[in-house]
Amino acid sequence: MGGQQYLKFKTFERAREQGFTTFDLMGGAPTGFPEHELTSVSAFKESIGGKKIEYTGNFDIILNPRLYKIFKRLFTLKK
């Protein structure tokens, strides 16, 4: 077991001792997309007993339309 896996294992173990029943690892590949960049992340999470819970997509609440437009433009340039 590698160092990161051991650290996560101990974190889960300690959380269980304190009465926690779930631990949100956040993020992973969506179902039906085996070539997704997070497929290996999902596989790791499932290997330690994780269960996938999928929610409806993300939504933006636009509070400042001008700033949002600038942000979106910069974000697409970054890609």
PDB file of N, CA and C in Angstrom:
ATOM      1  N   MET A   1       0.857  -1.172   0.000  1.00  0.00           N
ATOM      2  CA  MET A   1       0.000   0.000   0.000  1.00  0.00           C
ATOM      3  C   MET A   1       0.899   1.230   0.000  1.00  0.00           C
ATOM      4  N   GLY A   2       0.639   2.143  -0.944  1.00  0.00           N
ATOM      5  CA  GLY A   2       1.422   3.368  -1.031  1.00  0.00           C
ATOM      6  C   GLY A   2       1.076   4.347   0.083  1.00  0.00           C
ATOM      7  N   GLY A   3       1.896   5.369   0.213  1.00  0.00           N
ATOM      8  CA  GLY A   3       1.716   6.354   1.274  1.00  0.00           C
ATOM      9  C   GLY A   3       0.377   7.076   1.226  1.00  0.00           C
ATOM     10  N   GLN A   4      -0.047   7.477   0.022  1.00  0.00           N
ATOM     11  CA  GLN A   4      -1.324   8.185  -0.091  1.00  0.00           C
ATOM     12  C   GLN A   4      -2.493   7.278   0.258  1.00  0.00           C
ATOM     13  N   GLN A   5      -2.433   6.029  -0.207  1.00  0.00           N
ATOM     14  CA  GLN A   5      -3.513   5.090   0.105  1.00  0.00           C
ATOM     15  C   GLN A   5      -3.567   4.825   1.604  1.00  0.00           C
ATOM     16  N   TYR A   6      -2.409   4.682   2.229  1.00  0.00           N
ATOM     17  CA  TYR A   6      -2.363   4.436   3.665  1.00  0.00           C
ATOM     18  C   TYR A   6      -2.953   5.616   4.433  1.00  0.00           C
ATOM     19  N   LEU A   7      -2.596   6.823   4.028  1.00  0.00           N
ATOM     20  CA  LEU A   7      -3.118   8.021   4.687  1.00  0.00           C
ATOM     21  C   LEU A   7      -4.641   8.085   4.572  1.00  0.00           C
ATOM     22  N   LYS A   8      -5.161   7.813   3.381  1.00  0.00           N
ATOM     23  CA  LYS A   8      -6.615   7.815   3.197  1.00  0.00           C
ATOM     24  C   LYS A   8      -7.265   6.708   4.008  1.00  0.00           C
ATOM     25  N   PHE A   9      -6.655   5.526   4.018  1.00  0.00           N
ATOM     26  CA  PHE A   9      -7.195   4.416   4.796  1.00  0.00           C
ATOM     27  C   PHE A   9      -7.298   4.798   6.267  1.00  0.00           C
ATOM     28  N   LYS A  10      -6.243   5.390   6.815  1.00  0.00           N
ATOM     29  CA  LYS A  10      -6.249   5.793   8.227  1.00  0.00           C
ATOM     30  C   LYS A  10      -7.282   6.893   8.485  1.00  0.00           C
ATOM     31  N   THR A  11      -7.448   7.795   7.508  1.00  0.00           N
ATOM     32  CA  THR A  11      -8.459   8.843   7.641  1.00  0.00           C
ATOM     33  C   THR A  11      -9.846   8.226   7.715  1.00  0.00           C
ATOM     34  N   PHE A  12     -10.136   7.268   6.831  1.00  0.00           N
ATOM     35  CA  PHE A  12     -11.436   6.598   6.839  1.00  0.00           C
ATOM     36  C   PHE A  12     -11.631   5.823   8.137  1.00  0.00           C
ATOM     37  N   GLU A  13     -10.583   5.148   8.565  1.00  0.00           N
ATOM     38  CA  GLU A  13     -10.650   4.357   9.792  1.00  0.00           C
ATOM     39  C   GLU A  13     -10.981   5.251  10.996  1.00  0.00           C
ATOM     40  N   ARG A  14     -10.309   6.368  11.078  1.00  0.00           N
ATOM     41  CA  ARG A  14     -10.543   7.293  12.194  1.00  0.00           C
ATOM     42  C   ARG A  14     -11.953   7.892  12.135  1.00  0.00           C
ATOM     43  N   ALA A  15     -12.389   8.240  10.928  1.00  0.00           N
ATOM     44  CA  ALA A  15     -13.744   8.783  10.769  1.00  0.00           C
ATOM     45  C   ALA A  15     -14.785   7.753  11.202  1.00  0.00           C
ATOM     46  N   ARG A  16     -14.571   6.496  10.833  1.00  0.00           N
ATOM     47  CA  ARG A  16     -15.500   5.427  11.225  1.00  0.00           C
ATOM     48  C   ARG A  16     -15.540   5.288  12.739  1.00  0.00           C
ATOM     49  N   GLU A  17     -14.378   5.354  13.382  1.00  0.00           N
ATOM     50  CA  GLU A  17     -14.314   5.263  14.846  1.00  0.00           C
ATOM     51  C   GLU A  17     -15.090   6.393  15.512  1.00  0.00           C
ATOM     52  N   GLN A  18     -15.154   7.538  14.844  1.00  0.00           N
ATOM     53  CA  GLN A  18     -15.860   8.693  15.391  1.00  0.00           C
ATOM     54  C   GLN A  18     -17.342   8.710  15.010  1.00  0.00           C
ATOM     55  N   GLY A  19     -17.805   7.655  14.341  1.00  0.00           N
ATOM     56  CA  GLY A  19     -19.226   7.527  14.040  1.00  0.00           C
ATOM     57  C   GLY A  19     -19.671   7.978  12.663  1.00  0.00           C
ATOM     58  N   PHE A  20     -18.738   8.384  11.818  1.00  0.00           N
ATOM     59  CA  PHE A  20     -19.121   8.793  10.470  1.00  0.00           C
ATOM     60  C   PHE A  20     -19.455   7.560   9.637  1.00  0.00           C
ATOM     61  N   THR A  21     -20.456   7.676   8.785  1.00  0.00           N
ATOM     62  CA  THR A  21     -20.849   6.550   7.931  1.00  0.00           C
ATOM     63  C   THR A  21     -20.574   6.819   6.457  1.00  0.00           C
ATOM     64  N   THR A  22     -20.311   8.071   6.097  1.00  0.00           N
ATOM     65  CA  THR A  22     -19.991   8.401   4.707  1.00  0.00           C
ATOM     66  C   THR A  22     -18.817   9.375   4.664  1.00  0.00           C
ATOM     67  N   PHE A  23     -18.137   9.374   3.526  1.00  0.00           N
ATOM     68  CA  PHE A  23     -17.003  10.274   3.306  1.00  0.00           C
ATOM     69  C   PHE A  23     -17.061  10.688   1.845  1.00  0.00           C
ATOM     70  N   ASP A  24     -17.247  11.957   1.569  1.00  0.00           N
ATOM     71  CA  ASP A  24     -17.386  12.451   0.205  1.00  0.00           C
ATOM     72  C   ASP A  24     -16.008  12.703  -0.403  1.00  0.00           C
ATOM     73  N   LEU A  25     -15.626  11.865  -1.364  1.00  0.00           N
ATOM     74  CA  LEU A  25     -14.333  12.012  -2.035  1.00  0.00           C
ATOM     75  C   LEU A  25     -14.396  12.987  -3.205  1.00  0.00           C
ATOM     76  N   MET A  26     -15.564  13.391  -3.584  1.00  0.00           N
ATOM     77  CA  MET A  26     -15.809  14.383  -4.635  1.00  0.00           C
ATOM     78  C   MET A  26     -15.157  14.042  -5.973  1.00  0.00           C
ATOM     79  N   GLY A  27     -15.923  14.115  -7.000  1.00  0.00           N
ATOM     80  CA  GLY A  27     -15.417  14.008  -8.358  1.00  0.00           C
ATOM     81  C   GLY A  27     -15.118  12.610  -8.849  1.00  0.00           C
ATOM     82  N   GLY A  28     -15.261  12.430 -10.138  1.00  0.00           N
ATOM     83  CA  GLY A  28     -14.978  11.169 -10.785  1.00  0.00           C
ATOM     84  C   GLY A  28     -15.526  11.200 -12.200  1.00  0.00           C
ATOM     85  N   ALA A  29     -15.296  10.128 -12.916  1.00  0.00           N
ATOM     86  CA  ALA A  29     -15.764  10.043 -14.300  1.00  0.00           C
ATOM     87  C   ALA A  29     -17.265   9.789 -14.328  1.00  0.00           C
ATOM     88  N   PRO A  30     -17.979  10.429 -15.242  1.00  0.00           N
ATOM     89  CA  PRO A  30     -19.407  10.153 -15.361  1.00  0.00           C
ATOM     90  C   PRO A  30     -19.636   8.750 -15.918  1.00  0.00           C
ATOM     91  N   THR A  31     -20.734   8.140 -15.538  1.00  0.00           N
ATOM     92  CA  THR A  31     -21.079   6.805 -16.014  1.00  0.00           C
ATOM     93  C   THR A  31     -21.230   6.823 -17.534  1.00  0.00           C
ATOM     94  N   GLY A  32     -20.682   5.797 -18.178  1.00  0.00           N
ATOM     95  CA  GLY A  32     -20.816   5.673 -19.624  1.00  0.00           C
ATOM     96  C   GLY A  32     -19.724   6.351 -20.434  1.00  0.00           C
ATOM     97  N   PHE A  33     -18.693   6.844 -19.764  1.00  0.00           N
ATOM     98  CA  PHE A  33     -17.584   7.506 -20.461  1.00  0.00           C
ATOM     99  C   PHE A  33     -16.256   6.870 -20.038  1.00  0.00           C
ATOM    100  N   PRO A  34     -15.955   5.659 -20.544  1.00  0.00           N
ATOM    101  CA  PRO A  34     -14.750   4.940 -20.115  1.00  0.00           C
ATOM    102  C   PRO A  34     -13.434   5.628 -20.477  1.00  0.00           C
ATOM    103  N   GLU A  35     -13.452   6.554 -21.425  1.00  0.00           N
ATOM    104  CA  GLU A  35     -12.231   7.259 -21.827  1.00  0.00           C
ATOM    105  C   GLU A  35     -12.059   8.590 -21.092  1.00  0.00           C
ATOM    106  N   HIS A  36     -12.938   8.886 -20.141  1.00  0.00           N
ATOM    107  CA  HIS A  36     -12.886  10.157 -19.413  1.00  0.00           C
ATOM    108  C   HIS A  36     -11.578  10.248 -18.629  1.00  0.00           C
ATOM    109  N   GLU A  37     -11.057  11.468 -18.471  1.00  0.00           N
ATOM    110  CA  GLU A  37      -9.764  11.663 -17.796  1.00  0.00           C
ATOM    111  C   GLU A  37      -9.791  11.262 -16.319  1.00  0.00           C
ATOM    112  N   LEU A  38     -10.975  11.159 -15.716  1.00  0.00           N
ATOM    113  CA  LEU A  38     -11.068  10.782 -14.303  1.00  0.00           C
ATOM    114  C   LEU A  38     -11.442   9.312 -14.089  1.00  0.00           C
ATOM    115  N   THR A  39     -11.359   8.497 -15.144  1.00  0.00           N
ATOM    116  CA  THR A  39     -11.713   7.084 -15.024  1.00  0.00           C
ATOM    117  C   THR A  39     -10.848   6.373 -13.991  1.00  0.00           C
ATOM    118  N   SER A  40      -9.551   6.637 -13.973  1.00  0.00           N
ATOM    119  CA  SER A  40      -8.671   5.970 -12.999  1.00  0.00           C
ATOM    120  C   SER A  40      -8.972   6.444 -11.579  1.00  0.00           C
ATOM    121  N   VAL A  41      -9.391   7.697 -11.428  1.00  0.00           N
ATOM    122  CA  VAL A  41      -9.774   8.212 -10.112  1.00  0.00           C
ATOM    123  C   VAL A  41     -11.005   7.458  -9.620  1.00  0.00           C
ATOM    124  N   SER A  42     -11.977   7.279 -10.505  1.00  0.00           N
ATOM    125  CA  SER A  42     -13.188   6.539 -10.151  1.00  0.00           C
ATOM    126  C   SER A  42     -12.854   5.096  -9.781  1.00  0.00           C
ATOM    127  N   ALA A  43     -11.950   4.483 -10.535  1.00  0.00           N
ATOM    128  CA  ALA A  43     -11.559   3.099 -10.257  1.00  0.00           C
ATOM    129  C   ALA A  43     -10.924   2.983  -8.875  1.00  0.00           C
ATOM    130  N   PHE A  44     -10.066   3.938  -8.516  1.00  0.00           N
ATOM    131  CA  PHE A  44      -9.449   3.924  -7.188  1.00  0.00           C
ATOM    132  C   PHE A  44     -10.514   4.029  -6.104  1.00  0.00           C
ATOM    133  N   LYS A  45     -11.430   4.960  -6.276  1.00  0.00           N
ATOM    134  CA  LYS A  45     -12.466   5.168  -5.265  1.00  0.00           C
ATOM    135  C   LYS A  45     -13.331   3.923  -5.092  1.00  0.00           C
ATOM    136  N   GLU A  46     -13.655   3.265  -6.208  1.00  0.00           N
ATOM    137  CA  GLU A  46     -14.441   2.039  -6.128  1.00  0.00           C
ATOM    138  C   GLU A  46     -13.634   0.913  -5.488  1.00  0.00           C
ATOM    139  N   SER A  47     -12.316   0.905  -5.688  1.00  0.00           N
ATOM    140  CA  SER A  47     -11.475  -0.158  -5.124  1.00  0.00           C
ATOM    141  C   SER A  47     -11.406  -0.106  -3.604  1.00  0.00           C
ATOM    142  N   ILE A  48     -11.684   1.069  -3.033  1.00  0.00           N
ATOM    143  CA  ILE A  48     -11.669   1.180  -1.570  1.00  0.00           C
ATOM    144  C   ILE A  48     -13.088   1.190  -1.004  1.00  0.00           C
ATOM    145  N   GLY A  49     -14.036   0.720  -1.820  1.00  0.00           N
ATOM    146  CA  GLY A  49     -15.405   0.575  -1.336  1.00  0.00           C
ATOM    147  C   GLY A  49     -16.321   1.745  -1.621  1.00  0.00           C
ATOM    148  N   GLY A  50     -15.866   2.679  -2.442  1.00  0.00           N
ATOM    149  CA  GLY A  50     -16.697   3.841  -2.752  1.00  0.00           C
ATOM    150  C   GLY A  50     -17.903   3.483  -3.600  1.00  0.00           C
ATOM    151  N   LYS A  51     -18.968   4.224  -3.403  1.00  0.00           N
ATOM    152  CA  LYS A  51     -20.182   4.057  -4.200  1.00  0.00           C
ATOM    153  C   LYS A  51     -20.436   5.362  -4.939  1.00  0.00           C
ATOM    154  N   LYS A  52     -20.674   5.251  -6.238  1.00  0.00           N
ATOM    155  CA  LYS A  52     -20.883   6.439  -7.057  1.00  0.00           C
ATOM    156  C   LYS A  52     -22.295   6.980  -6.856  1.00  0.00           C
ATOM    157  N   ILE A  53     -22.365   8.265  -6.588  1.00  0.00           N
ATOM    158  CA  ILE A  53     -23.639   8.976  -6.503  1.00  0.00           C
ATOM    159  C   ILE A  53     -23.550  10.113  -7.505  1.00  0.00           C
ATOM    160  N   GLU A  54     -24.425  10.096  -8.488  1.00  0.00           N
ATOM    161  CA  GLU A  54     -24.384  11.129  -9.524  1.00  0.00           C
ATOM    162  C   GLU A  54     -25.525  12.118  -9.323  1.00  0.00           C
ATOM    163  N   TYR A  55     -25.201  13.370  -9.512  1.00  0.00           N
ATOM    164  CA  TYR A  55     -26.173  14.446  -9.397  1.00  0.00           C
ATOM    165  C   TYR A  55     -26.366  15.094 -10.758  1.00  0.00           C
ATOM    166  N   THR A  56     -27.408  15.868 -10.887  1.00  0.00           N
ATOM    167  CA  THR A  56     -27.624  16.652 -12.095  1.00  0.00           C
ATOM    168  C   THR A  56     -26.444  17.599 -12.250  1.00  0.00           C
ATOM    169  N   GLY A  57     -26.142  18.014 -13.448  1.00  0.00           N
ATOM    170  CA  GLY A  57     -24.976  18.849 -13.737  1.00  0.00           C
ATOM    171  C   GLY A  57     -24.804  20.087 -12.881  1.00  0.00           C
ATOM    172  N   ASN A  58     -23.755  20.817 -13.166  1.00  0.00           N
ATOM    173  CA  ASN A  58     -23.458  22.063 -12.454  1.00  0.00           C
ATOM    174  C   ASN A  58     -24.155  23.230 -13.140  1.00  0.00           C
ATOM    175  N   PHE A  59     -24.524  24.193 -12.343  1.00  0.00           N
ATOM    176  CA  PHE A  59     -25.185  25.377 -12.873  1.00  0.00           C
ATOM    177  C   PHE A  59     -24.518  26.617 -12.317  1.00  0.00           C
ATOM    178  N   ASP A  60     -24.427  27.648 -13.125  1.00  0.00           N
ATOM    179  CA  ASP A  60     -23.861  28.921 -12.687  1.00  0.00           C
ATOM    180  C   ASP A  60     -24.989  29.889 -12.360  1.00  0.00           C
ATOM    181  N   ILE A  61     -24.859  30.576 -11.248  1.00  0.00           N
ATOM    182  CA  ILE A  61     -25.762  31.673 -10.918  1.00  0.00           C
ATOM    183  C   ILE A  61     -24.989  32.944 -11.240  1.00  0.00           C
ATOM    184  N   ILE A  62     -25.440  33.659 -12.240  1.00  0.00           N
ATOM    185  CA  ILE A  62     -24.714  34.833 -12.716  1.00  0.00           C
ATOM    186  C   ILE A  62     -25.146  36.062 -11.921  1.00  0.00           C
ATOM    187  N   LEU A  63     -24.234  36.566 -11.113  1.00  0.00           N
ATOM    188  CA  LEU A  63     -24.516  37.744 -10.301  1.00  0.00           C
ATOM    189  C   LEU A  63     -24.044  39.028 -10.975  1.00  0.00           C
ATOM    190  N   ASN A  64     -23.017  38.906 -11.803  1.00  0.00           N
ATOM    191  CA  ASN A  64     -22.473  40.064 -12.510  1.00  0.00           C
ATOM    192  C   ASN A  64     -22.249  39.647 -13.969  1.00  0.00           C
ATOM    193  N   PRO A  65     -23.228  39.916 -14.849  1.00  0.00           N
ATOM    194  CA  PRO A  65     -23.142  39.445 -16.235  1.00  0.00           C
ATOM    195  C   PRO A  65     -21.871  39.874 -16.969  1.00  0.00           C
ATOM    196  N   ARG A  66     -21.414  41.091 -16.758  1.00  0.00           N
ATOM    197  CA  ARG A  66     -20.213  41.579 -17.444  1.00  0.00           C
ATOM    198  C   ARG A  66     -18.981  40.782 -16.994  1.00  0.00           C
ATOM    199  N   LEU A  67     -18.811  40.627 -15.701  1.00  0.00           N
ATOM    200  CA  LEU A  67     -17.681  39.877 -15.164  1.00  0.00           C
ATOM    201  C   LEU A  67     -17.750  38.405 -15.573  1.00  0.00           C
ATOM    202  N   TYR A  68     -18.940  37.857 -15.599  1.00  0.00           N
ATOM    203  CA  TYR A  68     -19.127  36.463 -16.005  1.00  0.00           C
ATOM    204  C   TYR A  68     -18.692  36.261 -17.458  1.00  0.00           C
ATOM    205  N   LYS A  69     -19.063  37.195 -18.315  1.00  0.00           N
ATOM    206  CA  LYS A  69     -18.692  37.105 -19.727  1.00  0.00           C
ATOM    207  C   LYS A  69     -17.172  37.137 -19.891  1.00  0.00           C
ATOM    208  N   ILE A  70     -16.503  38.001 -19.152  1.00  0.00           N
ATOM    209  CA  ILE A  70     -15.038  38.082 -19.194  1.00  0.00           C
ATOM    210  C   ILE A  70     -14.423  36.771 -18.701  1.00  0.00           C
ATOM    211  N   PHE A  71     -14.932  36.271 -17.599  1.00  0.00           N
ATOM    212  CA  PHE A  71     -14.424  35.017 -17.040  1.00  0.00           C
ATOM    213  C   PHE A  71     -14.571  33.872 -18.037  1.00  0.00           C
ATOM    214  N   LYS A  72     -15.741  33.749 -18.641  1.00  0.00           N
ATOM    215  CA  LYS A  72     -15.978  32.659 -19.592  1.00  0.00           C
ATOM    216  C   LYS A  72     -15.031  32.760 -20.789  1.00  0.00           C
ATOM    217  N   ARG A  73     -14.801  33.967 -21.250  1.00  0.00           N
ATOM    218  CA  ARG A  73     -13.900  34.169 -22.387  1.00  0.00           C
ATOM    219  C   ARG A  73     -12.466  33.769 -22.011  1.00  0.00           C
ATOM    220  N   LEU A  74     -12.015  34.191 -20.843  1.00  0.00           N
ATOM    221  CA  LEU A  74     -10.670  33.831 -20.382  1.00  0.00           C
ATOM    222  C   LEU A  74     -10.548  32.332 -20.161  1.00  0.00           C
ATOM    223  N   PHE A  75     -11.576  31.723 -19.634  1.00  0.00           N
ATOM    224  CA  PHE A  75     -11.557  30.287 -19.367  1.00  0.00           C
ATOM    225  C   PHE A  75     -11.429  29.495 -20.665  1.00  0.00           C
ATOM    226  N   THR A  76     -12.143  29.913 -21.709  1.00  0.00           N
ATOM    227  CA  THR A  76     -12.043  29.195 -22.981  1.00  0.00           C
ATOM    228  C   THR A  76     -10.684  29.420 -23.645  1.00  0.00           C
ATOM    229  N   LEU A  77     -10.073  30.583 -23.427  1.00  0.00           N
ATOM    230  CA  LEU A  77      -8.731  30.827 -23.964  1.00  0.00           C
ATOM    231  C   LEU A  77      -7.699  29.931 -23.294  1.00  0.00           C
ATOM    232  N   LYS A  78      -7.901  29.646 -22.016  1.00  0.00           N
ATOM    233  CA  LYS A  78      -6.972  28.807 -21.262  1.00  0.00           C
ATOM    234  C   LYS A  78      -6.915  27.398 -21.837  1.00  0.00           C
ATOM    235  N   LYS A  79      -8.031  26.899 -22.319  1.00  0.00           N
ATOM    236  CA  LYS A  79      -8.092  25.549 -22.886  1.00  0.00           C
ATOM    237  C   LYS A  79      -7.378  25.546 -24.205  1.00  0.00           C
TER     238      LYS A  79
END
